Amino acid sequence: MGYSTKFVSYDLKSQNKNYDDLYSYLKSFPEYKRINESFWMVNTTLAPKELRDQLSKYLDNDDLYFVSSYGKNSTSAWYGSIDSEVRETLVHEDN
């Protein structure tokens, strides 16, 4: 599988935690753009669920994050949500 665009969005809940490792990880991709404070675009060979699992190394259990691919056959994966219907599926994979 070649490189493709993935969107990463997160809500960081820990006020005093240093998230520099998360930012360094996101900047490690061949191409990346920080669109907003908590919304990034990265080019990677990872599927959304693989990228979500990698992000979990840099985030806490109370943080919320979402990864989606871009394009015709897009997929998504996330951990947690502020929406009660979505929150019931804490870890989600859409293939």
PDB file of N, CA and C in Angstrom:
ATOM      1  N   MET A   1       0.846  -1.184   0.000  1.00  0.00           N
ATOM      2  CA  MET A   1       0.000   0.000   0.000  1.00  0.00           C
ATOM      3  C   MET A   1       0.889   1.245   0.000  1.00  0.00           C
ATOM      4  N   GLY A   2       0.579   2.210  -0.839  1.00  0.00           N
ATOM      5  CA  GLY A   2       1.355   3.429  -0.936  1.00  0.00           C
ATOM      6  C   GLY A   2       0.922   4.469   0.078  1.00  0.00           C
ATOM      7  N   TYR A   3       1.582   5.599   0.013  1.00  0.00           N
ATOM      8  CA  TYR A   3       1.241   6.709   0.892  1.00  0.00           C
ATOM      9  C   TYR A   3      -0.127   7.265   0.523  1.00  0.00           C
ATOM     10  N   SER A   4      -0.874   7.649   1.540  1.00  0.00           N
ATOM     11  CA  SER A   4      -2.145   8.328   1.323  1.00  0.00           C
ATOM     12  C   SER A   4      -2.384   9.306   2.467  1.00  0.00           C
ATOM     13  N   THR A   5      -3.280  10.234   2.231  1.00  0.00           N
ATOM     14  CA  THR A   5      -3.564  11.276   3.212  1.00  0.00           C
ATOM     15  C   THR A   5      -4.476  10.752   4.312  1.00  0.00           C
ATOM     16  N   LYS A   6      -4.097  11.040   5.546  1.00  0.00           N
ATOM     17  CA  LYS A   6      -4.921  10.726   6.718  1.00  0.00           C
ATOM     18  C   LYS A   6      -5.120  12.018   7.501  1.00  0.00           C
ATOM     19  N   PHE A   7      -6.289  12.166   8.069  1.00  0.00           N
ATOM     20  CA  PHE A   7      -6.592  13.295   8.940  1.00  0.00           C
ATOM     21  C   PHE A   7      -6.603  12.811  10.377  1.00  0.00           C
ATOM     22  N   VAL A   8      -5.960  13.553  11.251  1.00  0.00           N
ATOM     23  CA  VAL A   8      -5.869  13.225  12.672  1.00  0.00           C
ATOM     24  C   VAL A   8      -6.437  14.400  13.458  1.00  0.00           C
ATOM     25  N   SER A   9      -7.398  14.094  14.315  1.00  0.00           N
ATOM     26  CA  SER A   9      -7.990  15.108  15.184  1.00  0.00           C
ATOM     27  C   SER A   9      -7.982  14.571  16.607  1.00  0.00           C
ATOM     28  N   TYR A  10      -7.782  15.452  17.578  1.00  0.00           N
ATOM     29  CA  TYR A  10      -7.731  14.993  18.961  1.00  0.00           C
ATOM     30  C   TYR A  10      -8.216  16.076  19.917  1.00  0.00           C
ATOM     31  N   ASP A  11      -8.670  15.627  21.078  1.00  0.00           N
ATOM     32  CA  ASP A  11      -8.967  16.483  22.222  1.00  0.00           C
ATOM     33  C   ASP A  11      -8.068  16.007  23.352  1.00  0.00           C
ATOM     34  N   LEU A  12      -7.145  16.850  23.779  1.00  0.00           N
ATOM     35  CA  LEU A  12      -6.214  16.511  24.839  1.00  0.00           C
ATOM     36  C   LEU A  12      -6.782  16.997  26.165  1.00  0.00           C
ATOM     37  N   LYS A  13      -6.970  16.081  27.092  1.00  0.00           N
ATOM     38  CA  LYS A  13      -7.659  16.403  28.346  1.00  0.00           C
ATOM     39  C   LYS A  13      -6.719  16.801  29.475  1.00  0.00           C
ATOM     40  N   SER A  14      -5.471  16.393  29.427  1.00  0.00           N
ATOM     41  CA  SER A  14      -4.532  16.697  30.505  1.00  0.00           C
ATOM     42  C   SER A  14      -3.945  18.089  30.306  1.00  0.00           C
ATOM     43  N   GLN A  15      -4.238  18.983  31.217  1.00  0.00           N
ATOM     44  CA  GLN A  15      -3.788  20.372  31.120  1.00  0.00           C
ATOM     45  C   GLN A  15      -2.282  20.519  31.287  1.00  0.00           C
ATOM     46  N   ASN A  16      -1.687  19.739  32.169  1.00  0.00           N
ATOM     47  CA  ASN A  16      -0.282  19.937  32.514  1.00  0.00           C
ATOM     48  C   ASN A  16       0.655  18.929  31.872  1.00  0.00           C
ATOM     49  N   LYS A  17       0.167  18.118  30.958  1.00  0.00           N
ATOM     50  CA  LYS A  17       1.010  17.112  30.324  1.00  0.00           C
ATOM     51  C   LYS A  17       1.755  17.722  29.139  1.00  0.00           C
ATOM     52  N   ASN A  18       2.969  17.270  28.951  1.00  0.00           N
ATOM     53  CA  ASN A  18       3.776  17.695  27.825  1.00  0.00           C
ATOM     54  C   ASN A  18       3.494  16.736  26.656  1.00  0.00           C
ATOM     55  N   TYR A  19       2.933  17.254  25.578  1.00  0.00           N
ATOM     56  CA  TYR A  19       2.588  16.445  24.408  1.00  0.00           C
ATOM     57  C   TYR A  19       3.621  16.585  23.288  1.00  0.00           C
ATOM     58  N   ASP A  20       4.828  16.994  23.631  1.00  0.00           N
ATOM     59  CA  ASP A  20       5.862  17.172  22.608  1.00  0.00           C
ATOM     60  C   ASP A  20       6.147  15.888  21.828  1.00  0.00           C
ATOM     61  N   ASP A  21       6.078  14.734  22.485  1.00  0.00           N
ATOM     62  CA  ASP A  21       6.316  13.466  21.789  1.00  0.00           C
ATOM     63  C   ASP A  21       5.233  13.209  20.735  1.00  0.00           C
ATOM     64  N   LEU A  22       4.005  13.575  21.037  1.00  0.00           N
ATOM     65  CA  LEU A  22       2.918  13.450  20.055  1.00  0.00           C
ATOM     66  C   LEU A  22       3.200  14.325  18.843  1.00  0.00           C
ATOM     67  N   TYR A  23       3.562  15.570  19.090  1.00  0.00           N
ATOM     68  CA  TYR A  23       3.843  16.493  17.991  1.00  0.00           C
ATOM     69  C   TYR A  23       5.037  16.016  17.164  1.00  0.00           C
ATOM     70  N   SER A  24       6.071  15.512  17.817  1.00  0.00           N
ATOM     71  CA  SER A  24       7.236  14.986  17.108  1.00  0.00           C
ATOM     72  C   SER A  24       6.851  13.789  16.252  1.00  0.00           C
ATOM     73  N   TYR A  25       5.998  12.940  16.784  1.00  0.00           N
ATOM     74  CA  TYR A  25       5.548  11.781  16.012  1.00  0.00           C
ATOM     75  C   TYR A  25       4.800  12.238  14.750  1.00  0.00           C
ATOM     76  N   LEU A  26       3.886  13.167  14.900  1.00  0.00           N
ATOM     77  CA  LEU A  26       3.119  13.639  13.747  1.00  0.00           C
ATOM     78  C   LEU A  26       4.010  14.346  12.724  1.00  0.00           C
ATOM     79  N   LYS A  27       5.066  14.980  13.200  1.00  0.00           N
ATOM     80  CA  LYS A  27       6.000  15.653  12.295  1.00  0.00           C
ATOM     81  C   LYS A  27       6.981  14.682  11.640  1.00  0.00           C
ATOM     82  N   SER A  28       6.972  13.427  12.057  1.00  0.00           N
ATOM     83  CA  SER A  28       7.909  12.444  11.520  1.00  0.00           C
ATOM     84  C   SER A  28       7.472  11.874  10.167  1.00  0.00           C
ATOM     85  N   PHE A  29       6.252  12.157   9.755  1.00  0.00           N
ATOM     86  CA  PHE A  29       5.770  11.631   8.481  1.00  0.00           C
ATOM     87  C   PHE A  29       6.396  12.395   7.316  1.00  0.00           C
ATOM     88  N   PRO A  30       6.518  11.733   6.145  1.00  0.00           N
ATOM     89  CA  PRO A  30       7.156  12.380   4.994  1.00  0.00           C
ATOM     90  C   PRO A  30       6.535  13.731   4.650  1.00  0.00           C
ATOM     91  N   GLU A  31       5.233  13.814   4.781  1.00  0.00           N
ATOM     92  CA  GLU A  31       4.530  15.087   4.598  1.00  0.00           C
ATOM     93  C   GLU A  31       3.510  15.225   5.713  1.00  0.00           C
ATOM     94  N   TYR A  32       3.444  16.405   6.288  1.00  0.00           N
ATOM     95  CA  TYR A  32       2.457  16.679   7.330  1.00  0.00           C
ATOM     96  C   TYR A  32       2.104  18.163   7.284  1.00  0.00           C
ATOM     97  N   LYS A  33       0.917  18.465   7.745  1.00  0.00           N
ATOM     98  CA  LYS A  33       0.475  19.850   7.909  1.00  0.00           C
ATOM     99  C   LYS A  33      -0.369  19.917   9.170  1.00  0.00           C
ATOM    100  N   ARG A  34      -0.085  20.911   9.972  1.00  0.00           N
ATOM    101  CA  ARG A  34      -0.927  21.171  11.139  1.00  0.00           C
ATOM    102  C   ARG A  34      -1.948  22.210  10.699  1.00  0.00           C
ATOM    103  N   ILE A  35      -3.176  21.773  10.530  1.00  0.00           N
ATOM    104  CA  ILE A  35      -4.234  22.611   9.988  1.00  0.00           C
ATOM    105  C   ILE A  35      -4.788  23.548  11.067  1.00  0.00           C
ATOM    106  N   ASN A  36      -5.120  22.999  12.210  1.00  0.00           N
ATOM    107  CA  ASN A  36      -5.614  23.744  13.371  1.00  0.00           C
ATOM    108  C   ASN A  36      -4.851  23.268  14.598  1.00  0.00           C
ATOM    109  N   GLU A  37      -5.179  23.798  15.743  1.00  0.00           N
ATOM    110  CA  GLU A  37      -4.513  23.424  16.989  1.00  0.00           C
ATOM    111  C   GLU A  37      -4.494  21.911  17.180  1.00  0.00           C
ATOM    112  N   SER A  38      -5.594  21.240  16.887  1.00  0.00           N
ATOM    113  CA  SER A  38      -5.682  19.801  17.135  1.00  0.00           C
ATOM    114  C   SER A  38      -6.150  19.022  15.909  1.00  0.00           C
ATOM    115  N   PHE A  39      -5.786  19.503  14.729  1.00  0.00           N
ATOM    116  CA  PHE A  39      -6.165  18.827  13.487  1.00  0.00           C
ATOM    117  C   PHE A  39      -4.971  18.819  12.543  1.00  0.00           C
ATOM    118  N   TRP A  40      -4.528  17.626  12.185  1.00  0.00           N
ATOM    119  CA  TRP A  40      -3.351  17.444  11.344  1.00  0.00           C
ATOM    120  C   TRP A  40      -3.704  16.649  10.092  1.00  0.00           C
ATOM    121  N   MET A  41      -2.910  16.823   9.076  1.00  0.00           N
ATOM    122  CA  MET A  41      -2.978  16.009   7.873  1.00  0.00           C
ATOM    123  C   MET A  41      -1.592  15.390   7.711  1.00  0.00           C
ATOM    124  N   VAL A  42      -1.531  14.063   7.539  1.00  0.00           N
ATOM    125  CA  VAL A  42      -0.259  13.376   7.356  1.00  0.00           C
ATOM    126  C   VAL A  42      -0.355  12.419   6.174  1.00  0.00           C
ATOM    127  N   ASN A  43       0.745  12.208   5.492  1.00  0.00           N
ATOM    128  CA  ASN A  43       0.823  11.190   4.452  1.00  0.00           C
ATOM    129  C   ASN A  43       1.550   9.993   5.039  1.00  0.00           C
ATOM    130  N   THR A  44       0.922   8.831   4.948  1.00  0.00           N
ATOM    131  CA  THR A  44       1.469   7.632   5.562  1.00  0.00           C
ATOM    132  C   THR A  44       0.963   6.388   4.842  1.00  0.00           C
ATOM    133  N   THR A  45       1.665   5.299   5.037  1.00  0.00           N
ATOM    134  CA  THR A  45       1.210   4.011   4.524  1.00  0.00           C
ATOM    135  C   THR A  45       0.314   3.302   5.538  1.00  0.00           C
ATOM    136  N   LEU A  46       0.220   3.829   6.743  1.00  0.00           N
ATOM    137  CA  LEU A  46      -0.601   3.216   7.791  1.00  0.00           C
ATOM    138  C   LEU A  46      -2.089   3.379   7.496  1.00  0.00           C
ATOM    139  N   ALA A  47      -2.869   2.356   7.795  1.00  0.00           N
ATOM    140  CA  ALA A  47      -4.326   2.445   7.745  1.00  0.00           C
ATOM    141  C   ALA A  47      -4.784   3.265   8.945  1.00  0.00           C
ATOM    142  N   PRO A  48      -5.995   3.851   8.905  1.00  0.00           N
ATOM    143  CA  PRO A  48      -6.470   4.646  10.043  1.00  0.00           C
ATOM    144  C   PRO A  48      -6.396   3.912  11.382  1.00  0.00           C
ATOM    145  N   LYS A  49      -6.774   2.648  11.425  1.00  0.00           N
ATOM    146  CA  LYS A  49      -6.726   1.937  12.707  1.00  0.00           C
ATOM    147  C   LYS A  49      -5.290   1.716  13.175  1.00  0.00           C
ATOM    148  N   GLU A  50      -4.346   1.538  12.236  1.00  0.00           N
ATOM    149  CA  GLU A  50      -2.941   1.403  12.621  1.00  0.00           C
ATOM    150  C   GLU A  50      -2.391   2.723  13.145  1.00  0.00           C
ATOM    151  N   LEU A  51      -2.747   3.809  12.495  1.00  0.00           N
ATOM    152  CA  LEU A  51      -2.309   5.134  12.952  1.00  0.00           C
ATOM    153  C   LEU A  51      -2.929   5.454  14.305  1.00  0.00           C
ATOM    154  N   ARG A  52      -4.208   5.139  14.478  1.00  0.00           N
ATOM    155  CA  ARG A  52      -4.861   5.335  15.782  1.00  0.00           C
ATOM    156  C   ARG A  52      -4.113   4.590  16.869  1.00  0.00           C
ATOM    157  N   ASP A  53      -3.749   3.339  16.591  1.00  0.00           N
ATOM    158  CA  ASP A  53      -3.037   2.540  17.590  1.00  0.00           C
ATOM    159  C   ASP A  53      -1.657   3.127  17.898  1.00  0.00           C
ATOM    160  N   GLN A  54      -0.971   3.672  16.896  1.00  0.00           N
ATOM    161  CA  GLN A  54       0.315   4.325  17.121  1.00  0.00           C
ATOM    162  C   GLN A  54       0.155   5.568  17.981  1.00  0.00           C
ATOM    163  N   LEU A  55      -0.901   6.338  17.722  1.00  0.00           N
ATOM    164  CA  LEU A  55      -1.149   7.558  18.503  1.00  0.00           C
ATOM    165  C   LEU A  55      -1.378   7.252  19.974  1.00  0.00           C
ATOM    166  N   SER A  56      -1.945   6.088  20.272  1.00  0.00           N
ATOM    167  CA  SER A  56      -2.253   5.743  21.666  1.00  0.00           C
ATOM    168  C   SER A  56      -0.999   5.712  22.534  1.00  0.00           C
ATOM    169  N   LYS A  57       0.174   5.545  21.929  1.00  0.00           N
ATOM    170  CA  LYS A  57       1.432   5.550  22.687  1.00  0.00           C
ATOM    171  C   LYS A  57       1.753   6.932  23.253  1.00  0.00           C
ATOM    172  N   TYR A  58       1.185   7.965  22.652  1.00  0.00           N
ATOM    173  CA  TYR A  58       1.509   9.349  23.013  1.00  0.00           C
ATOM    174  C   TYR A  58       0.365  10.067  23.724  1.00  0.00           C
ATOM    175  N   LEU A  59      -0.755   9.367  23.900  1.00  0.00           N
ATOM    176  CA  LEU A  59      -1.952   9.986  24.469  1.00  0.00           C
ATOM    177  C   LEU A  59      -2.398   9.245  25.717  1.00  0.00           C
ATOM    178  N   ASP A  60      -3.184   9.913  26.549  1.00  0.00           N
ATOM    179  CA  ASP A  60      -3.718   9.317  27.773  1.00  0.00           C
ATOM    180  C   ASP A  60      -5.062   8.657  27.510  1.00  0.00           C
ATOM    181  N   ASN A  61      -5.507   7.838  28.448  1.00  0.00           N
ATOM    182  CA  ASN A  61      -6.792   7.138  28.308  1.00  0.00           C
ATOM    183  C   ASN A  61      -7.985   8.079  28.267  1.00  0.00           C
ATOM    184  N   ASP A  62      -7.846   9.290  28.810  1.00  0.00           N
ATOM    185  CA  ASP A  62      -8.985  10.216  28.785  1.00  0.00           C
ATOM    186  C   ASP A  62      -8.952  11.137  27.565  1.00  0.00           C
ATOM    187  N   ASP A  63      -7.888  11.096  26.768  1.00  0.00           N
ATOM    188  CA  ASP A  63      -7.830  11.874  25.529  1.00  0.00           C
ATOM    189  C   ASP A  63      -8.732  11.228  24.480  1.00  0.00           C
ATOM    190  N   LEU A  64      -9.244  12.032  23.578  1.00  0.00           N
ATOM    191  CA  LEU A  64     -10.095  11.550  22.489  1.00  0.00           C
ATOM    192  C   LEU A  64      -9.358  11.794  21.187  1.00  0.00           C
ATOM    193  N   TYR A  65      -9.402  10.833  20.263  1.00  0.00           N
ATOM    194  CA  TYR A  65      -8.743  11.046  18.990  1.00  0.00           C
ATOM    195  C   TYR A  65      -9.434  10.277  17.871  1.00  0.00           C
ATOM    196  N   PHE A  66      -9.296  10.828  16.676  1.00  0.00           N
ATOM    197  CA  PHE A  66      -9.993  10.345  15.494  1.00  0.00           C
ATOM    198  C   PHE A  66      -9.038  10.384  14.304  1.00  0.00           C
ATOM    199  N   VAL A  67      -9.035   9.317  13.510  1.00  0.00           N
ATOM    200  CA  VAL A  67      -8.199   9.241  12.310  1.00  0.00           C
ATOM    201  C   VAL A  67      -9.090   8.821  11.151  1.00  0.00           C
ATOM    202  N   SER A  68      -8.942   9.507  10.036  1.00  0.00           N
ATOM    203  CA  SER A  68      -9.734   9.183   8.858  1.00  0.00           C
ATOM    204  C   SER A  68      -8.858   9.292   7.617  1.00  0.00           C
ATOM    205  N   SER A  69      -9.106   8.391   6.670  1.00  0.00           N
ATOM    206  CA  SER A  69      -8.415   8.509   5.391  1.00  0.00           C
ATOM    207  C   SER A  69      -9.219   9.443   4.500  1.00  0.00           C
ATOM    208  N   TYR A  70      -8.604   9.843   3.416  1.00  0.00           N
ATOM    209  CA  TYR A  70      -9.221  10.787   2.499  1.00  0.00           C
ATOM    210  C   TYR A  70      -9.388  10.103   1.149  1.00  0.00           C
ATOM    211  N   GLY A  71     -10.544  10.273   0.549  1.00  0.00           N
ATOM    212  CA  GLY A  71     -10.733   9.759  -0.805  1.00  0.00           C
ATOM    213  C   GLY A  71     -11.937   8.866  -0.942  1.00  0.00           C
ATOM    214  N   LYS A  72     -12.018   8.231  -2.091  1.00  0.00           N
ATOM    215  CA  LYS A  72     -13.178   7.433  -2.480  1.00  0.00           C
ATOM    216  C   LYS A  72     -13.456   6.274  -1.520  1.00  0.00           C
ATOM    217  N   ASN A  73     -12.425   5.557  -1.120  1.00  0.00           N
ATOM    218  CA  ASN A  73     -12.589   4.397  -0.246  1.00  0.00           C
ATOM    219  C   ASN A  73     -12.129   4.717   1.169  1.00  0.00           C
ATOM    220  N   SER A  74     -12.561   5.844   1.689  1.00  0.00           N
ATOM    221  CA  SER A  74     -12.074   6.294   2.990  1.00  0.00           C
ATOM    222  C   SER A  74     -12.568   5.395   4.117  1.00  0.00           C
ATOM    223  N   THR A  75     -11.755   5.294   5.161  1.00  0.00           N
ATOM    224  CA  THR A  75     -12.082   4.566   6.374  1.00  0.00           C
ATOM    225  C   THR A  75     -11.721   5.455   7.557  1.00  0.00           C
ATOM    226  N   SER A  76     -12.175   5.063   8.737  1.00  0.00           N
ATOM    227  CA  SER A  76     -11.866   5.851   9.927  1.00  0.00           C
ATOM    228  C   SER A  76     -11.709   4.945  11.137  1.00  0.00           C
ATOM    229  N   ALA A  77     -11.059   5.481  12.164  1.00  0.00           N
ATOM    230  CA  ALA A  77     -10.869   4.791  13.434  1.00  0.00           C
ATOM    231  C   ALA A  77     -10.735   5.842  14.510  1.00  0.00           C
ATOM    232  N   TRP A  78     -11.255   5.560  15.715  1.00  0.00           N
ATOM    233  CA  TRP A  78     -11.150   6.551  16.775  1.00  0.00           C
ATOM    234  C   TRP A  78     -11.108   5.896  18.133  1.00  0.00           C
ATOM    235  N   TYR A  79     -10.757   6.713  19.115  1.00  0.00           N
ATOM    236  CA  TYR A  79     -10.762   6.307  20.513  1.00  0.00           C
ATOM    237  C   TYR A  79     -11.530   7.366  21.277  1.00  0.00           C
ATOM    238  N   GLY A  80     -12.698   6.994  21.813  1.00  0.00           N
ATOM    239  CA  GLY A  80     -13.522   7.907  22.589  1.00  0.00           C
ATOM    240  C   GLY A  80     -14.225   8.935  21.740  1.00  0.00           C
ATOM    241  N   SER A  81     -15.218   9.579  22.346  1.00  0.00           N
ATOM    242  CA  SER A  81     -15.987  10.623  21.674  1.00  0.00           C
ATOM    243  C   SER A  81     -16.790  11.395  22.709  1.00  0.00           C
ATOM    244  N   ILE A  82     -17.116  12.649  22.390  1.00  0.00           N
ATOM    245  CA  ILE A  82     -17.979  13.412  23.283  1.00  0.00           C
ATOM    246  C   ILE A  82     -19.451  13.115  23.010  1.00  0.00           C
ATOM    247  N   ASP A  83     -19.760  12.463  21.889  1.00  0.00           N
ATOM    248  CA  ASP A  83     -21.122  12.087  21.531  1.00  0.00           C
ATOM    249  C   ASP A  83     -21.474  10.779  22.241  1.00  0.00           C
ATOM    250  N   SER A  84     -22.563  10.749  23.006  1.00  0.00           N
ATOM    251  CA  SER A  84     -22.904   9.570  23.798  1.00  0.00           C
ATOM    252  C   SER A  84     -23.131   8.333  22.937  1.00  0.00           C
ATOM    253  N   GLU A  85     -23.701   8.481  21.752  1.00  0.00           N
ATOM    254  CA  GLU A  85     -23.902   7.320  20.877  1.00  0.00           C
ATOM    255  C   GLU A  85     -22.573   6.763  20.399  1.00  0.00           C
ATOM    256  N   VAL A  86     -21.657   7.620  20.055  1.00  0.00           N
ATOM    257  CA  VAL A  86     -20.356   7.180  19.560  1.00  0.00           C
ATOM    258  C   VAL A  86     -19.498   6.685  20.715  1.00  0.00           C
ATOM    259  N   ARG A  87     -19.629   7.304  21.881  1.00  0.00           N
ATOM    260  CA  ARG A  87     -18.803   6.971  23.038  1.00  0.00           C
ATOM    261  C   ARG A  87     -18.972   5.519  23.457  1.00  0.00           C
ATOM    262  N   GLU A  88     -20.154   4.927  23.200  1.00  0.00           N
ATOM    263  CA  GLU A  88     -20.375   3.544  23.587  1.00  0.00           C
ATOM    264  C   GLU A  88     -19.418   2.612  22.866  1.00  0.00           C
ATOM    265  N   THR A  89     -18.939   2.980  21.698  1.00  0.00           N
ATOM    266  CA  THR A  89     -17.913   2.243  21.011  1.00  0.00           C
ATOM    267  C   THR A  89     -16.626   3.018  21.174  1.00  0.00           C
ATOM    268  N   LEU A  90     -15.939   2.772  22.284  1.00  0.00           N
ATOM    269  CA  LEU A  90     -14.761   3.558  22.632  1.00  0.00           C
ATOM    270  C   LEU A  90     -13.683   3.466  21.561  1.00  0.00           C
ATOM    271  N   VAL A  91     -13.432   2.256  21.088  1.00  0.00           N
ATOM    272  CA  VAL A  91     -12.475   2.062  20.010  1.00  0.00           C
ATOM    273  C   VAL A  91     -13.252   1.597  18.804  1.00  0.00           C
ATOM    274  N   HIS A  92     -13.125   2.316  17.701  1.00  0.00           N
ATOM    275  CA  HIS A  92     -13.914   2.009  16.525  1.00  0.00           C
ATOM    276  C   HIS A  92     -13.020   1.852  15.311  1.00  0.00           C
ATOM    277  N   GLU A  93     -13.393   0.889  14.480  1.00  0.00           N
ATOM    278  CA  GLU A  93     -12.728   0.684  13.210  1.00  0.00           C
ATOM    279  C   GLU A  93     -13.803   0.563  12.133  1.00  0.00           C
ATOM    280  N   ASP A  94     -13.703   1.358  11.125  1.00  0.00           N
ATOM    281  CA  ASP A  94     -14.662   1.345  10.014  1.00  0.00           C
ATOM    282  C   ASP A  94     -13.923   0.924   8.768  1.00  0.00           C
ATOM    283  N   ASN A  95     -14.166  -0.297   8.309  1.00  0.00           N
ATOM    284  CA  ASN A  95     -13.459  -0.784   7.113  1.00  0.00           C
ATOM    285  C   ASN A  95     -14.406  -0.834   5.949  1.00  0.00           C
TER     286      ASN A  95
END
